[in-house]
């Protein structure tokens, strides 16, 4: 499954934030549910930096385009574009 997101921090920091949120059982996003499901399993996790140095508006537009093309649920883990 794939997930697309934008951040100003490193992807490692952002992923750890998602992982911490995923441990909260109240989080019901598909991405957090997937992280919880993977706990204790051998998982290949690939991070791809698709773009950098964009303005905030351009980054949001690019993120939305990528989500619509490939990661919008049920094809991926993004719940909205």
Protein backbone atom coordinates (compact mmCIF):
# COMPACT_ATOMS: atom_id res chain seq x y z
CA UNK A 1 0.00 0.00 0.00
CA UNK A 2 1.15 3.53 -0.66
CA UNK A 3 0.75 6.85 1.13
CA UNK A 4 1.61 10.36 -0.04
CA UNK A 5 2.22 13.27 2.32
CA UNK A 6 4.05 16.56 2.50
CA UNK A 7 6.26 17.87 5.28
CA UNK A 8 8.81 20.56 5.99
CA UNK A 9 10.68 18.19 8.32
CA UNK A 10 12.65 15.11 7.31
CA UNK A 11 10.53 12.17 6.19
CA UNK A 12 11.98 10.17 9.09
CA UNK A 13 10.61 12.66 11.64
CA UNK A 14 7.23 12.74 9.92
CA UNK A 15 7.00 8.96 9.75
CA UNK A 16 7.78 8.67 13.48
CA UNK A 17 5.00 11.17 14.19
CA UNK A 18 2.61 8.99 12.20
CA UNK A 19 3.84 5.87 14.02
CA UNK A 20 3.23 7.50 17.41
CA UNK A 21 -0.29 8.52 16.33
CA UNK A 22 -0.88 5.01 15.01
CA UNK A 23 -0.28 3.56 18.47
CA UNK A 24 -3.26 5.55 19.72
CA UNK A 25 -6.23 3.28 19.19
CA UNK A 26 -8.46 6.31 18.62
CA UNK A 27 -6.75 7.08 15.31
CA UNK A 28 -8.80 5.55 12.51
CA UNK A 29 -6.97 6.77 9.41
CA UNK A 30 -6.13 4.02 6.91
CA UNK A 31 -2.43 4.87 7.17
CA UNK A 32 -2.41 4.57 10.97
CA UNK A 33 -4.42 1.34 10.81
CA UNK A 34 -1.84 -0.06 8.37
CA UNK A 35 1.03 0.91 10.68
CA UNK A 36 -0.71 -0.83 13.61
CA UNK A 37 -1.30 -3.94 11.50
CA UNK A 38 2.40 -4.08 10.57
CA UNK A 39 3.65 -3.99 14.20
CA UNK A 40 5.92 -6.96 14.89
CA UNK A 41 6.08 -8.03 11.25
CA UNK A 42 8.95 -7.89 8.81
CA UNK A 43 8.01 -5.08 6.48
CA UNK A 44 9.83 -3.43 3.61
CA UNK A 45 9.20 0.28 3.92
CA UNK A 46 10.28 2.47 1.01
CA UNK A 47 10.29 6.25 1.23
CA UNK A 48 10.46 8.28 -1.95
CA UNK A 49 11.13 12.00 -1.98
CA UNK A 50 9.18 12.98 -5.08
CA UNK A 51 9.90 16.71 -4.96
CA UNK A 52 11.50 19.34 -2.77
CA UNK A 53 11.93 23.09 -2.73
CA UNK A 54 8.36 23.78 -3.83
CA UNK A 55 6.22 26.59 -2.51
CA UNK A 56 3.53 25.47 -0.07
CA UNK A 57 0.81 25.95 -2.70
CA UNK A 58 2.77 24.00 -5.34
CA UNK A 59 3.53 21.23 -2.84
CA UNK A 60 -0.15 20.85 -1.94
CA UNK A 61 -1.15 20.77 -5.61
CA UNK A 62 1.54 18.18 -6.37
CA UNK A 63 0.55 16.08 -3.36
CA UNK A 64 -3.10 16.15 -4.44
CA UNK A 65 -2.15 15.09 -7.97
CA UNK A 66 -0.07 12.15 -6.72
CA UNK A 67 -2.82 11.04 -4.34
CA UNK A 68 -5.50 11.13 -7.04
CA UNK A 69 -3.26 9.22 -9.46
CA UNK A 70 -2.10 6.44 -7.19
CA UNK A 71 -2.80 6.44 -3.46
CA UNK A 72 -6.42 7.44 -2.89
CA UNK A 73 -8.28 4.74 -0.93
CA UNK A 74 -8.88 1.90 -1.85
CA UNK A 75 -5.78 1.87 -4.11
CA UNK A 76 -3.62 3.37 -1.37
CA UNK A 77 -3.75 4.68 2.18
CA UNK A 78 -4.67 8.33 1.58
CA UNK A 79 -8.27 9.07 2.55
CA UNK A 80 -8.55 12.41 0.76
CA UNK A 81 -6.73 14.21 -2.02
